[in-house]
Protein backbone atom coordinates (compact mmCIF):
# COMPACT_ATOMS: atom_id res chain seq x y z
CA MET A 1 -0.01 0.18 -0.05
CA ARG A 2 3.00 2.59 0.75
CA HIS A 3 4.82 1.39 -2.55
CA LYS A 4 1.75 2.34 -4.63
CA LEU A 5 0.87 5.42 -2.63
CA PHE A 6 4.80 6.72 -3.26
CA ARG A 7 4.41 5.20 -6.84
CA PHE A 8 1.41 7.87 -7.12
CA PHE A 9 2.52 11.29 -5.68
CA SER A 10 6.14 10.35 -7.69
CA SER A 11 4.25 9.59 -11.14
CA VAL A 12 4.51 11.87 -13.85
CA LYS A 13 0.22 12.00 -14.07
CA LEU A 14 0.06 13.54 -11.12
CA ALA A 15 2.95 16.19 -12.27
CA VAL A 16 1.19 16.95 -15.32
CA PHE A 17 -2.65 17.35 -13.64
CA LEU A 18 -1.16 19.37 -11.28
CA ILE A 19 0.49 21.79 -13.75
CA LEU A 20 -2.49 22.17 -15.99
CA SER A 21 -4.64 22.78 -13.08
CA LEU A 22 -2.30 25.35 -11.67
CA GLY A 23 -2.36 27.01 -15.48
CA ALA A 24 -5.86 27.26 -15.10
CA ILE A 25 -6.23 28.88 -11.92
CA LEU A 26 -3.79 31.32 -12.74
CA ALA A 27 -5.76 32.12 -16.13
CA VAL A 28 -8.49 32.62 -14.12
CA GLY A 29 -6.90 34.81 -10.97
CA THR A 30 -5.67 37.32 -14.23
CA PHE A 31 -9.29 37.49 -15.29
CA TYR A 32 -10.27 38.22 -11.89
CA GLU A 33 -7.83 40.31 -10.87
CA ALA A 34 -8.60 42.41 -14.50
CA GLU A 35 -12.23 42.46 -13.06
CA TYR A 36 -12.07 43.05 -9.45
CA GLY A 37 -8.29 44.25 -8.58
CA THR A 38 -5.33 42.88 -7.30
CA PRO A 39 -6.43 43.14 -3.45
CA ALA A 40 -9.65 40.69 -4.63
CA ALA A 41 -7.47 38.39 -6.30
CA GLN A 42 -5.04 38.22 -3.54
CA ARG A 43 -7.87 37.03 -1.19
CA VAL A 44 -10.04 34.82 -3.33
CA ILE A 45 -7.68 33.05 -5.57
CA TYR A 46 -3.87 33.42 -5.65
CA LYS A 47 -3.78 33.33 -0.83
CA SER A 48 -6.73 30.95 -1.01
CA TRP A 49 -6.42 27.23 0.77
CA PHE A 50 -6.66 25.65 -2.51
CA VAL A 51 -3.35 27.30 -4.12
CA SER A 52 -1.93 26.21 -0.88
CA VAL A 53 -3.21 22.68 -1.41
CA GLU A 54 -1.49 22.96 -4.85
CA MET A 55 1.50 24.22 -4.17
CA MET A 56 1.95 21.60 -1.44
CA LEU A 57 1.15 18.41 -3.54
CA LEU A 58 3.41 19.86 -5.95
CA ILE A 59 6.15 20.12 -3.63
CA LEU A 60 5.39 16.21 -3.11
CA ASN A 61 5.41 15.40 -6.56
CA LEU A 62 8.81 16.77 -7.05
CA ALA A 63 10.33 15.45 -4.12
CA CYS A 64 8.79 11.98 -4.51
CA ALA A 65 10.20 11.78 -7.72
CA ALA A 66 13.04 12.62 -6.77
CA ILE A 67 13.61 9.97 -4.42
CA ASP A 68 12.45 7.27 -6.76
CA ARG A 69 15.61 7.58 -8.72
CA TYR A 70 17.61 7.28 -5.74
CA PRO A 71 20.67 5.94 -5.36
CA TRP A 72 21.20 8.86 -7.60
CA LYS A 73 23.97 8.39 -10.26
CA LYS A 74 26.18 11.19 -11.97
CA HIS A 75 23.74 11.26 -14.82
CA HIS A 76 20.63 11.99 -12.35
CA VAL A 77 22.65 15.39 -11.05
CA GLY A 78 20.55 17.96 -13.11
CA PHE A 79 17.51 16.20 -12.76
CA VAL A 80 17.99 16.54 -8.88
CA ILE A 81 19.54 19.59 -8.38
CA THR A 82 16.26 20.96 -11.29
CA HIS A 83 13.57 19.66 -9.05
CA ALA A 84 15.33 20.93 -5.67
CA GLY A 85 15.71 24.67 -7.29
CA ILE A 86 11.36 24.45 -8.53
CA ILE A 87 10.75 23.15 -4.64
CA THR A 88 12.86 26.06 -2.95
CA LEU A 89 11.50 28.45 -5.74
CA ILE A 90 7.70 27.28 -4.44
CA MET A 91 9.38 27.33 -0.46
CA GLY A 92 10.11 31.21 -1.29
CA SER A 93 7.10 31.84 -2.84
CA PHE A 94 5.45 31.01 0.68
CA ILE A 95 7.78 32.98 2.16
CA THR A 96 6.85 36.02 0.44
CA GLN A 97 3.23 35.27 0.55
CA GLN A 98 3.21 34.43 4.22
CA LYS A 99 5.78 37.23 5.31
CA GLY A 100 5.99 39.71 2.55
CA ILE A 101 4.50 43.41 2.23
CA ASP A 102 3.35 45.19 -0.60
CA GLY A 103 1.88 48.88 0.59
CA ASN A 104 1.88 52.41 -0.76
CA ILE A 105 3.31 55.94 -0.10
CA ALA A 106 2.19 59.30 -1.41
CA LEU A 107 4.23 62.38 -0.86
CA GLY A 108 3.85 65.88 -1.75
CA VAL A 109 7.15 68.25 -2.17
CA ASN A 110 8.79 68.49 1.20
CA GLU A 111 6.26 66.30 2.43
CA ALA A 112 8.09 63.53 5.13
CA THR A 113 7.13 59.93 6.48
CA ASP A 114 8.42 56.73 7.88
CA ASN A 115 5.46 54.67 7.16
CA PHE A 116 3.30 53.25 4.27
CA PHE A 117 -0.07 51.84 4.20
CA VAL A 118 -1.60 48.14 2.51
CA PRO A 119 -4.61 47.10 1.15
CA ASP A 120 -5.24 45.15 4.57
CA THR A 121 -8.11 47.23 6.70
CA GLU A 122 -8.34 47.85 10.89
CA LEU A 123 -10.60 49.08 13.07
CA HIS A 124 -9.06 51.68 15.86
CA ILE A 125 -11.56 52.76 18.44
CA TYR A 126 -10.71 55.77 20.55
CA GLN A 127 -12.19 57.55 23.67
CA SER A 128 -12.56 60.79 22.42
CA ILE A 129 -12.50 63.93 23.97
CA ASP A 130 -13.58 67.32 22.18
CA GLY A 131 -14.02 65.39 18.83
CA ARG A 132 -10.93 64.22 19.28
CA PRO A 133 -9.13 60.53 19.38
CA PHE A 134 -7.30 60.24 23.15
CA ALA A 135 -6.79 57.12 24.05
CA LEU A 136 -6.57 53.88 21.95
CA LEU A 137 -9.20 51.41 22.87
CA VAL A 138 -9.40 48.96 19.93
CA GLN A 139 -7.27 48.24 17.97
CA THR A 140 -8.32 45.01 15.30
CA PRO A 141 -8.12 44.17 11.81
CA ALA A 142 -11.21 44.44 10.26
CA ASP A 143 -11.51 41.64 7.31
CA PHE A 144 -14.91 42.09 6.56
CA GLU A 145 -14.40 41.25 2.88
CA ASN A 146 -13.72 37.73 4.01
CA HIS A 147 -15.61 37.11 6.62
CA PRO A 148 -18.50 39.61 6.69
CA PRO A 149 -20.43 40.42 9.79
CA GLU A 150 -23.84 38.08 8.92
CA LYS A 151 -21.58 35.07 8.97
CA LYS A 152 -19.22 36.39 11.60
CA LYS A 153 -19.80 38.32 15.08
CA TYR A 154 -17.72 41.69 15.67
CA GLU A 155 -17.90 42.78 19.35
CA TYR A 156 -16.01 45.34 21.55
CA LYS A 157 -16.33 46.01 25.07
CA LEU A 158 -15.40 49.42 26.08
CA ALA A 159 -16.00 51.97 29.16
CA ASP A 160 -19.13 51.41 31.40
CA ASP A 161 -20.25 48.24 29.90
CA ASP A 162 -20.35 49.98 26.11
CA VAL A 163 -20.61 47.66 23.24
CA ILE A 164 -19.87 48.32 19.75
CA ARG A 165 -21.04 46.03 17.40
CA VAL A 166 -20.10 45.77 13.35
CA THR A 167 -23.71 45.01 11.88
CA ARG A 168 -23.41 45.15 8.45
CA PHE A 169 -20.79 45.66 5.59
CA ILE A 170 -20.58 46.93 2.15
CA GLU A 171 -17.27 46.31 0.09
CA LYS A 172 -18.99 48.58 -2.66
CA ALA A 173 -20.67 51.53 -1.49
CA VAL A 174 -22.25 55.13 -2.40
CA ARG A 175 -23.13 57.59 0.01
CA LYS A 176 -26.86 58.48 0.86
CA VAL A 177 -27.06 62.09 2.65
CA ASP A 178 -30.68 62.99 4.26
CA VAL A 179 -30.58 66.21 5.80
CA LYS A 180 -33.55 67.43 8.35
CA GLU A 181 -34.21 70.68 10.59
CA ALA A 182 -32.79 69.23 14.30
CA SER A 183 -36.05 70.03 16.35
CA GLY A 184 -34.64 70.82 19.88
CA LYS A 185 -31.13 70.83 19.42
CA GLU A 186 -29.62 74.49 19.47
CA ASN A 187 -26.33 73.28 18.98
CA ALA A 188 -26.45 71.56 16.12
CA LEU A 189 -24.51 73.21 13.00
CA PRO A 190 -25.87 74.49 9.65
CA ALA A 191 -26.05 72.96 6.45
CA LEU A 192 -26.94 73.35 2.80
CA ARG A 193 -27.34 71.74 -0.95
CA PHE A 194 -26.08 73.77 -3.27
CA LYS A 195 -26.99 73.05 -7.33
CA LEU A 196 -24.30 74.19 -9.83
CA TYR A 197 -25.08 73.42 -13.47
CA ASN A 198 -25.13 74.30 -16.98
CA ASP A 199 -25.96 72.56 -20.40
CA ARG A 200 -23.51 69.88 -19.45
CA VAL A 201 -23.03 69.21 -15.73
CA ASN A 202 -26.03 69.44 -12.89
CA VAL A 203 -24.25 68.81 -9.53
CA SER A 204 -26.31 68.85 -5.89
CA GLU A 205 -24.62 68.27 -2.91
CA TRP A 206 -24.77 68.91 0.67
CA VAL A 207 -21.85 70.85 2.33
CA GLY A 208 -22.22 71.74 6.46
CA LEU A 209 -20.18 72.44 9.36
CA ASP A 210 -21.19 69.24 11.03
CA LYS A 211 -18.60 66.74 11.27
CA GLN A 212 -20.55 64.04 9.12
CA LEU A 213 -20.96 66.80 6.09
CA PRO A 214 -17.87 68.12 3.86
CA PRO A 215 -17.26 72.05 4.54
CA PHE A 216 -16.51 72.11 0.54
CA TYR A 217 -17.13 70.57 -2.37
CA ASP A 218 -14.48 69.99 -5.31
CA LEU A 219 -15.61 69.89 -8.76
CA GLY A 220 -11.89 70.08 -10.33
CA PRO A 221 -12.42 73.19 -12.28
CA ALA A 222 -14.35 75.03 -9.80
CA THR A 223 -15.14 74.41 -5.61
CA VAL A 224 -18.01 74.99 -3.80
CA THR A 225 -17.43 75.96 0.30
CA PHE A 226 -19.40 76.83 3.45
CA ILE A 227 -17.63 78.29 6.22
CA GLN A 228 -19.15 80.32 9.20
CA GLY A 229 -17.59 83.65 10.43
CA PRO A 230 -16.43 86.73 8.13
CA LEU A 231 -15.62 86.35 4.52
CA PRO A 232 -11.53 85.52 4.25
CA MET A 233 -8.95 86.47 2.13
CA VAL A 234 -8.40 83.81 -1.16
CA PRO A 235 -4.63 82.78 -1.14
CA ALA A 236 -4.90 82.31 -5.29
CA PRO A 237 -7.20 82.88 -8.05
CA ARG A 238 -9.61 80.38 -8.49
CA ASN A 239 -13.07 79.50 -9.85
CA GLN A 240 -14.76 79.30 -6.46
CA ILE A 241 -17.92 79.71 -4.50
CA VAL A 242 -18.06 80.79 -1.01
CA VAL A 243 -21.33 80.74 1.14
CA TYR A 244 -20.87 82.08 4.85
CA GLN A 245 -22.79 82.86 7.58
CA PRO A 246 -21.46 85.83 9.31
CA ASP A 247 -22.99 85.22 12.54
CA SER A 248 -23.66 82.25 14.22
CA LYS A 249 -26.50 83.78 16.10
CA SER A 250 -28.20 84.70 12.81
CA PRO A 251 -29.68 82.44 10.13
CA LEU A 252 -28.67 85.01 7.30
CA LEU A 253 -26.36 83.83 4.36
CA LYS A 254 -23.90 85.51 2.07
CA TYR A 255 -21.98 84.41 -0.90
CA ALA A 256 -18.63 85.60 -3.16
CA ILE A 257 -17.95 83.79 -6.50
CA TYR A 258 -14.49 84.14 -7.55
CA SER A 259 -12.64 83.87 -10.74
CA SER A 260 -9.10 82.49 -11.69
CA ARG A 261 -8.46 86.00 -12.80
CA GLN A 262 -8.16 88.12 -9.85
CA LEU A 263 -8.69 87.59 -6.24
CA GLU A 264 -11.40 90.23 -5.33
CA PRO A 265 -15.13 88.60 -5.50
CA VAL A 266 -16.32 89.11 -9.06
CA GLN A 267 -20.02 89.16 -7.37
CA LYS A 268 -21.56 88.71 -3.87
CA GLY A 269 -24.65 89.68 -1.69
CA SER A 270 -27.09 87.62 0.45
CA VAL A 271 -28.23 84.21 -0.52
CA GLU A 272 -31.94 83.17 -1.29
CA VAL A 273 -32.85 80.09 -1.40
CA LYS A 274 -33.65 78.70 -4.63
CA LYS A 275 -32.36 82.03 -6.83
CA GLU A 276 -30.02 81.53 -9.30
CA TYR A 277 -26.51 83.20 -9.32
CA PRO A 278 -24.74 82.86 -12.73
CA THR A 279 -21.42 82.45 -11.97
CA GLY A 280 -19.36 83.83 -15.03
CA TRP A 281 -17.74 80.84 -15.76
CA MET A 282 -18.39 78.00 -18.23
CA ASN A 283 -22.09 79.44 -18.31
CA LEU A 284 -22.27 77.93 -14.92
CA LYS A 285 -25.42 79.10 -12.62
CA PHE A 286 -25.13 78.59 -8.93
CA SER A 287 -27.80 78.20 -6.14
CA VAL A 288 -28.53 76.99 -2.40
CA GLU A 289 -31.45 74.59 -2.79
CA GLU A 290 -32.20 74.05 0.94
CA TYR A 291 -30.48 75.29 4.00
CA PHE A 292 -31.13 74.27 7.77
CA ASN A 293 -29.64 76.57 10.19
CA HIS A 294 -29.96 73.78 12.70
CA ALA A 295 -29.33 70.81 10.60
CA ASP A 296 -29.92 66.93 11.85
CA PRO A 297 -28.06 64.92 8.72
CA GLN A 298 -28.46 61.27 8.67
CA ILE A 299 -25.62 59.48 6.59
CA SER A 300 -26.44 55.80 5.28
CA TYR A 301 -24.80 53.89 2.40
CA VAL A 302 -26.47 51.36 -0.17
CA ALA A 303 -24.41 49.10 -2.32
CA ALA A 304 -23.19 50.45 -5.39
CA GLU A 305 -24.30 49.69 -9.04
CA GLU A 306 -22.36 47.63 -11.52
CA ASP A 307 -21.49 51.00 -13.68
CA ALA A 308 -20.69 52.93 -10.28
CA LYS A 309 -17.55 54.73 -10.75
CA GLU A 310 -17.31 55.93 -7.54
CA THR A 311 -17.42 53.37 -4.45
CA THR A 312 -15.87 52.99 -1.35
CA PRO A 313 -16.13 50.22 1.67
CA ALA A 314 -17.91 51.24 4.43
CA VAL A 315 -19.25 49.31 7.86
CA GLN A 316 -22.13 50.24 10.22
CA LEU A 317 -21.50 50.04 13.75
CA ASP A 318 -24.45 49.99 16.82
CA LEU A 319 -23.29 51.53 20.04
CA LYS A 320 -26.70 50.88 22.44
CA GLY A 321 -28.81 51.65 19.66
CA ASN A 322 -27.36 54.51 18.10
CA LEU A 323 -26.34 53.29 14.35
CA ARG A 324 -23.51 55.15 12.55
CA TRP A 325 -21.87 54.36 9.25
CA PHE A 326 -18.20 54.47 8.75
CA GLU A 327 -16.46 54.54 5.52
CA LEU A 328 -12.96 54.15 4.70
CA GLU A 329 -10.75 56.34 5.62
CA SER A 330 -13.09 59.13 7.05
CA PRO A 331 -13.24 58.75 10.79
CA HIS A 332 -15.87 60.68 13.21
CA GLU A 333 -17.61 60.13 16.28
CA ILE A 334 -20.37 57.71 17.34
CA LYS A 335 -21.54 58.76 20.87
CA GLY A 336 -23.75 56.53 23.44
CA PRO A 337 -25.76 57.18 26.41
CA GLN A 338 -22.54 57.98 28.71
CA ASN A 339 -19.89 58.01 26.56
CA THR A 340 -18.05 59.34 23.06
CA TYR A 341 -15.76 57.40 20.91
CA PHE A 342 -14.12 57.97 18.02
CA VAL A 343 -13.96 55.20 15.39
CA SER A 344 -11.79 54.79 12.21
CA TYR A 345 -11.70 52.40 9.91
CA THR A 346 -8.34 52.73 8.02
CA ARG A 347 -5.96 50.89 6.15
CA LYS A 348 -3.06 49.30 8.26
CA LYS A 349 -0.19 50.70 8.73
CA TYR A 350 3.82 49.90 8.91
CA GLU A 351 6.47 51.39 9.99
CA LEU A 352 9.13 51.89 7.43
CA GLY A 353 12.11 51.71 9.73
CA PHE A 354 13.75 55.16 8.01
CA GLY A 355 12.64 58.78 7.14
CA LEU A 356 11.95 59.34 3.43
CA SER A 357 11.09 62.66 2.24
CA LEU A 358 10.15 63.97 -1.64
CA LYS A 359 12.60 67.05 -2.52
CA LYS A 360 11.96 67.44 -5.89
CA PHE A 361 9.56 65.50 -8.36
CA LYS A 362 10.19 65.92 -12.50
CA VAL A 363 7.67 64.55 -15.63
CA ALA A 364 9.00 64.55 -18.75
CA THR A 365 6.36 64.57 -21.80
CA TYR A 366 6.25 63.38 -25.54
CA GLY A 367 7.01 66.64 -27.74
CA GLY A 368 3.52 68.12 -28.61
CA SER A 369 1.12 66.68 -25.85
CA ASN A 370 1.05 65.92 -22.24
CA LEU A 371 1.30 62.80 -22.37
CA PRO A 372 3.54 61.54 -19.16
CA ALA A 373 6.86 60.09 -20.85
CA SER A 374 8.80 59.17 -17.89
CA TYR A 375 8.61 60.42 -14.33
CA GLU A 376 11.33 60.66 -11.28
CA SER A 377 11.24 61.79 -7.59
CA THR A 378 14.43 62.96 -5.92
CA VAL A 379 14.28 61.74 -2.47
CA GLU A 380 15.92 61.97 0.83
CA ILE A 381 16.33 59.05 3.14
CA ASP A 382 17.34 59.56 7.15
CA ASN A 383 17.88 63.49 6.45
CA SER A 384 21.67 61.56 5.39
CA HIS A 385 21.50 61.29 1.58
CA GLU A 386 19.43 62.25 -1.58
CA GLN A 387 18.76 59.16 -3.99
CA VAL A 388 16.40 59.50 -7.65
CA ILE A 389 13.72 56.99 -7.77
CA SER A 390 12.66 56.58 -11.56
CA MET A 391 9.92 54.26 -13.46
CA ASN A 392 13.13 51.79 -13.97
CA GLU A 393 15.37 52.70 -10.69
CA PRO A 394 13.68 51.44 -7.73
CA LEU A 395 15.39 52.52 -4.26
CA LYS A 396 16.49 49.39 -2.28
CA TYR A 397 16.92 50.38 1.43
CA LYS A 398 17.52 48.15 4.62
CA GLY A 399 15.23 45.08 2.94
CA TYR A 400 12.49 47.63 1.11
CA THR A 401 12.16 47.91 -2.44
CA ILE A 402 10.65 51.35 -3.32
CA TYR A 403 9.56 52.22 -6.74
CA GLN A 404 7.94 55.23 -8.73
CA SER A 405 4.53 54.11 -9.14
CA SER A 406 2.58 57.03 -10.42
CA PHE A 407 1.39 60.91 -9.45
CA GLU A 408 -1.72 62.71 -8.84
CA THR A 409 -2.14 66.07 -10.86
CA ASN A 410 -4.54 68.76 -9.59
CA ASP A 411 -7.06 70.42 -11.45
CA ARG A 412 -4.47 72.51 -13.50
CA GLY A 413 -2.73 69.38 -14.66
CA GLU A 414 0.03 70.12 -12.55
CA PRO A 415 1.52 66.85 -10.41
CA VAL A 416 1.16 67.61 -6.26
CA LEU A 417 1.45 64.35 -5.57
CA SER A 418 4.42 61.50 -6.32
CA VAL A 419 2.88 57.53 -5.49
CA PHE A 420 5.66 55.18 -4.50
CA SER A 421 5.36 50.98 -4.10
CA VAL A 422 6.53 49.77 -0.97
CA ASN A 423 7.65 46.02 -1.29
CA TYR A 424 9.55 43.98 1.35
CA ASP A 425 10.18 40.57 0.36
CA PRO A 426 11.85 37.97 2.46
CA GLY A 427 11.44 35.14 -0.02
CA ARG A 428 13.59 36.64 -2.65
CA ALA A 429 17.11 35.79 -1.92
CA VAL A 430 15.28 32.15 -1.73
CA LYS A 431 13.38 32.21 -5.01
CA TYR A 432 16.55 33.73 -6.63
CA ALA A 433 18.30 30.27 -5.32
CA GLY A 434 16.01 28.13 -6.69
CA ALA A 435 15.50 30.09 -9.80
CA LEU A 436 19.81 29.90 -10.12
CA CYS A 437 19.15 25.69 -9.43
CA ILE A 438 16.59 25.38 -11.85
CA VAL A 439 18.74 26.85 -14.59
CA GLY A 440 21.39 25.56 -13.49
CA GLY A 441 19.64 21.78 -13.46
CA ILE A 442 18.57 22.00 -16.65
CA GLY A 443 21.71 23.49 -18.18
CA ILE A 444 23.71 19.77 -16.73
CA MET A 445 20.35 17.59 -18.01
CA PHE A 446 21.28 19.04 -21.60
CA TYR A 447 25.08 19.57 -21.99
CA TRP A 448 25.88 16.50 -19.15
CA LYS A 449 23.88 13.99 -19.63
CA PRO A 450 24.80 12.57 -22.81
CA LYS A 451 28.39 11.95 -21.57
CA TYR A 452 27.45 10.10 -18.34
CA THR A 453 25.14 7.73 -20.11
CA GLY A 454 27.17 7.07 -23.55
CA ARG A 455 24.60 8.55 -25.80
CA ASN A 456 26.75 10.40 -27.58
CA LYS A 457 29.48 8.11 -28.39
CA GLY A 458 27.58 6.24 -31.88
CA ARG A 459 27.58 9.73 -33.13
CA ASP A 460 31.36 10.83 -32.19
CA LYS A 461 32.19 7.65 -33.69
CA GLY A 462 30.37 8.34 -36.79
CA SER A 463 31.29 11.98 -36.89
CA VAL A 464 35.01 10.44 -37.07
CA ALA A 465 34.50 8.24 -39.89
């Protein structure tokens, strides 16, 4: 029985089956990655249990095939080295899968960091004081994609018998805002819904001073900002609309419309709800459609349609009946009967172990166009020396490899952020060693095996004759 089992694991038939099935899995993974992205493909396919089983069976098959030839002769040298190389390569890949880290860094010029973020997510819960995180109470992995709250129970015990529960998770969500007058809440802050439109554009969004609502909306070529207090000086000419409440005790609103040609407003006055105001740029018209001096914003998330372009992961938490949604990288408070907590649903952060600052970023374009041909960053490492990171010249430092990945631009097409990919791969040396063994073993099999088996003697004699 043992002999039959060994013959099965060392058989060529098993090797062919494993290679073909592995090829099929990788083909499916390629299409899946193109459709859903690399993190999803890693989670569902590449790091799945069945791929791990496939790799273990392949290692077992290779080891049994090599042992089956024992005691080895000289002409087995290349065969054994090649099989050992493949096993070493797979083991190096396993080390990379378990210990490797891939993340990103985004820096503006003169910005510095000593950490980076990875796609894995975490949930951080802090004791909140005056709307700010004070003491970290919970820091836990938030793998809601693989283990949704409908199938796994998430409960976090806090102060004074408070318990936060995860009730819902939507991987691709869109934000829905419903704002009403906050009756009986004198400390509630104002909010308004504006409309900006022309023949081709029709944008209607809420802005407010409550932390659940953004205080401004950026359309790219123009911005709409809502503030409380006197009209401030703008730092630079830009197409923008500022709606402001001069006195917090009065519901009166005023507006100022600016252009990209001058610092002073081109138009200003008092706001009348639903009245149209021409902006003077791109035939756009502006109006305040709704306004509440004491607003009660209700934020919810729904699953996005298949053709939705802008989506975000979002998780719903329950603190003694108070349900609040938290989208990725948008921390805010959740209140209970006695205590208030600050919650952050965020990407996991790793320390680099050294400082990295961006000193200069340069983009070269193709002649006669704005298409980037190449781009590079000059960075300073640990405040000691500078190095250029380009598309084909990564930085290798203290076990990390940092690649120039991409860049982000502002509404004028000017680069404002340099984006780097960060890779830490403790299995790289093992994989290189395995690859060298494979190449060396194949070379030995092709060039040395005939010498040991005597298969070239006839050809040699014939050629001499």
